[in-house]
Amino acid sequence: MTIVLRTASAKEIHLLYAQLPEFDVRHSLLDIEMQLHNHSHRLLLTEVDGCPAGFVSGYALSDTLFHCWLGGVVPGFRRRGLARLLWAELEQWARMQGYRKISVNTRNRFQGMLLFLITNHYQLTRLDVRDKEEENLIWLTKSL
């Protein structure tokens, strides 16, 4: 198995994002481009044997805070350490750019992501309560 980690385009991110079954609300390619516009940003993609398998994207909220926005691994490529590889690279890049913290938010129903973040030393910083508990938005931050 050959794994390659590289910078991606918004179009590549959008194509992978469309393959993630967990997301009910879908951002268009234009939504993604507009979210990144006028922000310092980073888009990373991992390939397994030449096939796009996962991604992580984010943008600067300030000179010291970087926000991870969209990310995921296509179902057929999960449980291979790809998310860990992507996040480690993103954190290293953010540290080298001078960011002091990384923030991320996820929903209560994404238990795998919550466990991943907590295991990787992200701390709960805010909870936005929704009508359905599984839709609560959980904000986490990690000092770099």
Protein backbone atom coordinates (compact mmCIF):
# COMPACT_ATOMS: atom_id res chain seq x y z
CA MET A 1 0.00 0.00 0.00
CA THR A 2 1.49 3.33 -1.13
CA ILE A 3 0.22 6.40 0.72
CA VAL A 4 0.84 9.90 -0.64
CA LEU A 5 -0.01 13.08 1.22
CA ARG A 6 -0.21 16.25 -0.83
CA THR A 7 -1.74 19.70 -1.19
CA ALA A 8 -5.15 19.63 -2.85
CA SER A 9 -7.38 21.97 -4.80
CA ALA A 10 -10.84 23.03 -3.67
CA LYS A 11 -12.28 20.95 -6.52
CA GLU A 12 -10.48 17.81 -5.29
CA ILE A 13 -11.70 18.46 -1.74
CA HIS A 14 -15.26 18.89 -3.01
CA LEU A 15 -15.14 15.59 -4.94
CA LEU A 16 -13.99 13.68 -1.84
CA TYR A 17 -16.42 15.52 0.43
CA ALA A 18 -19.27 14.32 -1.81
CA GLN A 19 -18.27 10.72 -1.01
CA LEU A 20 -18.73 11.07 2.77
CA PRO A 21 -22.15 9.66 3.70
CA GLU A 22 -22.26 11.28 7.17
CA PHE A 23 -22.89 14.82 5.96
CA ASP A 24 -26.55 15.66 5.31
CA VAL A 25 -25.92 19.30 4.40
CA ARG A 26 -23.74 19.59 1.33
CA HIS A 27 -21.53 22.54 0.46
CA SER A 28 -21.14 23.29 -3.21
CA LEU A 29 -17.73 23.85 -4.75
CA LEU A 30 -18.56 27.57 -4.76
CA ASP A 31 -19.39 27.42 -1.01
CA ILE A 32 -16.00 25.88 -0.33
CA GLU A 33 -14.15 28.41 -2.48
CA MET A 34 -15.99 31.32 -0.84
CA GLN A 35 -15.27 30.02 2.67
CA LEU A 36 -11.55 29.92 1.86
CA HIS A 37 -11.47 33.21 -0.05
CA ASN A 38 -9.52 35.98 1.71
CA HIS A 39 -8.27 33.55 4.37
CA SER A 40 -4.92 31.88 4.65
CA HIS A 41 -5.89 28.24 4.18
CA ARG A 42 -4.55 24.72 3.82
CA LEU A 43 -6.06 21.86 1.83
CA LEU A 44 -4.51 18.40 2.20
CA LEU A 45 -5.40 15.16 0.46
CA THR A 46 -4.16 11.63 0.92
CA GLU A 47 -4.06 9.01 -1.80
CA VAL A 48 -3.80 5.25 -1.38
CA ASP A 49 -2.24 3.52 -4.37
CA GLY A 50 -3.11 6.55 -6.51
CA CYS A 51 -6.74 6.74 -5.39
CA PRO A 52 -7.92 9.83 -3.43
CA ALA A 53 -8.92 8.57 0.01
CA GLY A 54 -9.22 11.41 2.51
CA PHE A 55 -8.77 15.11 3.11
CA VAL A 56 -8.62 17.87 5.68
CA SER A 57 -9.17 21.56 5.08
CA GLY A 58 -8.98 24.67 7.18
CA TYR A 59 -8.39 28.38 7.30
CA ALA A 60 -7.02 31.09 9.58
CA LEU A 61 -9.39 32.77 11.99
CA SER A 62 -6.61 35.07 13.24
CA ASP A 63 -2.84 35.29 13.23
CA THR A 64 -2.69 32.73 16.04
CA LEU A 65 -5.79 30.54 15.48
CA PHE A 66 -6.30 28.07 12.63
CA HIS A 67 -9.70 26.41 12.18
CA CYS A 68 -10.11 22.92 10.71
CA TRP A 69 -13.26 23.08 8.66
CA LEU A 70 -14.05 20.06 6.51
CA GLY A 71 -12.38 16.69 6.57
CA GLY A 72 -12.92 13.01 6.34
CA VAL A 73 -11.86 9.68 4.96
CA VAL A 74 -13.88 7.85 2.30
CA PRO A 75 -15.55 4.78 3.92
CA GLY A 76 -13.55 2.17 1.96
CA PHE A 77 -10.27 3.65 3.24
CA ARG A 78 -11.08 4.07 6.94
CA ARG A 79 -9.17 2.38 9.78
CA ARG A 80 -5.81 2.76 8.00
CA GLY A 81 -4.46 5.74 9.95
CA LEU A 82 -5.15 8.23 7.18
CA ALA A 83 -6.97 10.75 9.39
CA ARG A 84 -4.10 10.65 11.89
CA LEU A 85 -1.62 11.26 9.05
CA LEU A 86 -3.62 14.18 7.66
CA TRP A 87 -4.09 15.85 11.05
CA ALA A 88 -0.45 15.42 12.05
CA GLU A 89 0.62 17.11 8.83
CA LEU A 90 -1.91 19.91 9.28
CA GLU A 91 -0.82 20.51 12.87
CA GLN A 92 2.86 20.57 11.89
CA TRP A 93 2.16 23.00 9.06
CA ALA A 94 0.08 25.26 11.36
CA ARG A 95 2.84 25.26 13.98
CA MET A 96 5.42 26.21 11.35
CA GLN A 97 3.16 29.05 10.15
CA GLY A 98 3.09 30.51 13.65
CA TYR A 99 -0.40 29.51 14.72
CA ARG A 100 -0.66 28.78 18.44
CA LYS A 101 -3.99 26.95 18.45
CA ILE A 102 -6.19 24.84 16.20
CA SER A 103 -9.96 24.81 16.59
CA VAL A 104 -12.45 22.35 15.18
CA ASN A 105 -16.13 21.65 15.60
CA THR A 106 -18.10 18.47 15.17
CA ARG A 107 -21.54 17.15 15.97
CA ASN A 108 -22.37 14.95 18.94
CA ARG A 109 -23.44 12.16 16.55
CA PHE A 110 -19.91 11.84 15.12
CA GLN A 111 -18.57 9.80 18.03
CA GLY A 112 -15.59 8.48 16.07
CA MET A 113 -14.45 12.03 15.36
CA LEU A 114 -14.97 13.08 18.98
CA LEU A 115 -12.88 10.16 20.20
CA PHE A 116 -10.19 10.94 17.60
CA LEU A 117 -10.00 14.57 18.71
CA ILE A 118 -9.96 13.81 22.44
CA THR A 119 -7.30 11.13 21.93
CA ASN A 120 -5.24 13.73 20.07
CA HIS A 121 -5.38 16.21 22.98
CA TYR A 122 -8.16 18.52 21.78
CA GLN A 123 -10.09 20.13 24.63
CA LEU A 124 -13.80 20.96 24.70
CA THR A 125 -14.21 24.75 24.60
CA ARG A 126 -17.86 25.31 23.68
CA LEU A 127 -21.14 23.50 23.18
CA ASP A 128 -23.90 24.86 20.96
CA VAL A 129 -27.07 23.05 22.06
CA ARG A 130 -29.58 22.02 19.40
CA ASP A 131 -33.12 20.59 19.65
CA LYS A 132 -31.78 17.07 19.08
CA GLU A 133 -28.85 16.08 21.31
CA GLU A 134 -27.08 14.25 18.48
CA GLU A 135 -26.98 17.55 16.55
CA ASN A 136 -25.27 19.50 19.36
CA LEU A 137 -22.24 21.29 17.93
CA ILE A 138 -19.09 20.64 19.95
CA TRP A 139 -16.13 23.02 19.64
CA LEU A 140 -12.65 21.80 20.57
CA THR A 141 -9.24 23.47 20.60
CA LYS A 142 -5.66 22.28 20.80
CA SER A 143 -2.62 24.34 21.74
CA LEU A 144 0.28 23.80 19.40
